[in-house]
Protein backbone atom coordinates (compact mmCIF):
# COMPACT_ATOMS: atom_id res chain seq x y z
CA MET A 1 -0.46 0.09 -0.27
CA PRO A 2 1.02 3.60 -0.55
CA ALA A 3 2.16 5.69 1.62
CA GLY A 4 -0.16 7.93 0.88
CA GLU A 5 -3.21 5.55 1.28
CA ARG A 6 -1.70 4.58 4.90
CA GLY A 7 -2.24 7.30 5.59
CA ARG A 8 -5.74 8.19 3.76
CA THR A 9 -7.04 5.12 6.17
CA ARG A 10 -5.82 6.43 9.28
CA ASP A 11 -7.86 9.42 9.24
CA LEU A 12 -10.57 7.19 7.63
CA GLN A 13 -9.95 4.71 10.58
CA ARG A 14 -9.20 7.77 12.97
CA ALA A 15 -12.65 9.66 11.73
CA LEU A 16 -14.70 6.38 11.94
CA ARG A 17 -13.50 5.81 15.35
CA GLY A 18 -14.84 9.46 16.51
CA TYR A 19 -18.02 9.63 14.82
CA LEU A 20 -19.03 6.06 16.67
CA VAL A 21 -17.40 7.58 19.94
CA ARG A 22 -20.56 10.65 20.06
CA HIS A 23 -22.98 8.27 18.27
CA PRO A 24 -22.49 4.95 19.54
CA GLY A 25 -25.86 2.59 17.99
CA ALA A 26 -24.94 3.94 14.91
CA ALA A 27 -25.01 1.94 11.90
CA ASP A 28 -24.90 1.84 8.36
CA GLY A 29 -24.32 0.50 4.98
CA ILE A 30 -20.98 2.32 2.56
CA ALA A 31 -22.93 4.43 1.05
CA GLY A 32 -24.62 6.75 4.39
CA ILE A 33 -21.61 6.02 5.83
CA ARG A 34 -19.34 8.19 3.61
CA LEU A 35 -22.25 10.99 3.25
CA TRP A 36 -22.59 11.24 8.07
CA TRP A 37 -19.26 8.78 9.38
CA LEU A 38 -16.70 10.63 7.86
CA PRO A 39 -16.38 14.83 7.43
CA ALA A 40 -15.71 16.12 3.60
CA HIS A 41 -12.29 15.54 2.99
CA LEU A 42 -12.87 11.85 3.48
CA GLN A 43 -16.27 12.17 1.51
CA GLY A 44 -14.29 11.31 -1.20
CA VAL A 45 -12.62 8.27 -1.60
CA SER A 46 -13.03 5.30 -2.96
CA ASP A 47 -15.26 2.44 -1.61
CA ARG A 48 -12.14 0.31 -2.06
CA GLU A 49 -10.85 2.36 0.72
CA LEU A 50 -13.88 3.03 2.66
CA ARG A 51 -14.49 -1.04 2.39
CA GLY A 52 -11.08 -1.89 3.08
CA ALA A 53 -10.51 0.69 6.38
CA LEU A 54 -13.98 -0.53 7.82
CA ASP A 55 -13.28 -4.04 7.04
CA GLN A 56 -9.38 -3.46 9.38
CA LEU A 57 -12.19 -2.53 11.96
CA VAL A 58 -13.35 -5.20 12.04
CA ARG A 59 -10.57 -7.56 11.93
CA ASP A 60 -8.82 -5.37 14.69
CA ASN A 61 -12.48 -6.07 16.46
CA GLU A 62 -13.41 -2.13 16.24
CA MET A 63 -16.90 -3.28 14.56
CA GLN A 64 -18.28 -5.71 13.25
CA ARG A 65 -19.93 -6.36 9.10
CA THR A 66 -23.47 -7.68 8.68
CA ALA A 67 -24.52 -9.24 5.78
CA LEU A 68 -28.00 -8.31 4.36
CA PHE A 69 -30.21 -10.22 2.53
CA ASP A 70 -29.53 -7.74 -0.52
CA GLY A 71 -26.36 -8.53 -0.65
CA SER A 72 -24.66 -4.90 0.88
CA GLU A 73 -23.05 -4.88 4.50
CA LEU A 74 -24.27 -3.18 7.96
CA TYR A 75 -20.93 -1.76 9.65
CA ALA A 76 -22.01 -1.22 13.36
CA SER A 77 -19.70 -1.03 16.72
CA LEU A 78 -20.01 -3.69 18.36
CA ALA A 79 -21.44 -2.23 21.53
CA THR A 80 -24.24 -1.97 18.03
CA VAL A 81 -26.61 -4.97 17.71
CA ALA A 82 -27.63 -6.18 14.40
CA PRO A 83 -31.30 -4.97 13.92
CA PRO A 84 -32.93 -8.15 14.44
CA VAL A 85 -34.39 -9.78 11.23
CA HIS A 86 -38.58 -9.34 10.96
CA ARG A 87 -40.25 -13.34 10.70
CA ASP A 88 -43.39 -13.89 10.49
CA THR A 89 -43.36 -17.81 11.99
CA ARG A 90 -47.54 -17.43 11.78
CA PRO A 91 -49.04 -20.69 8.68
CA LEU A 92 -50.31 -18.89 6.40
CA PRO A 93 -53.90 -19.07 5.83
CA THR A 94 -55.33 -21.92 3.96
CA ARG A 95 -57.64 -21.78 1.01
CA HIS A 96 -60.73 -24.40 1.28
């Protein structure tokens, strides 16, 4: 990884940690994280860079990643419980 990219990754991780300190229950996908969690000067980073910073925080047990049914991913602090997936277990009505 080039030195400039390493510095940007550290800046991203610092911004993400700061956001989680201020909003401990926050959970969002890549688009929401870019828009709401990052300061303006970091919002232009590539998805690859942002995902890399998030994935490193997941590997370091600072965040969690939850795969959703639609294929997207939800990132949150470890203190945040992933939202329950609602599944209606009532039997379907029968036709007579």
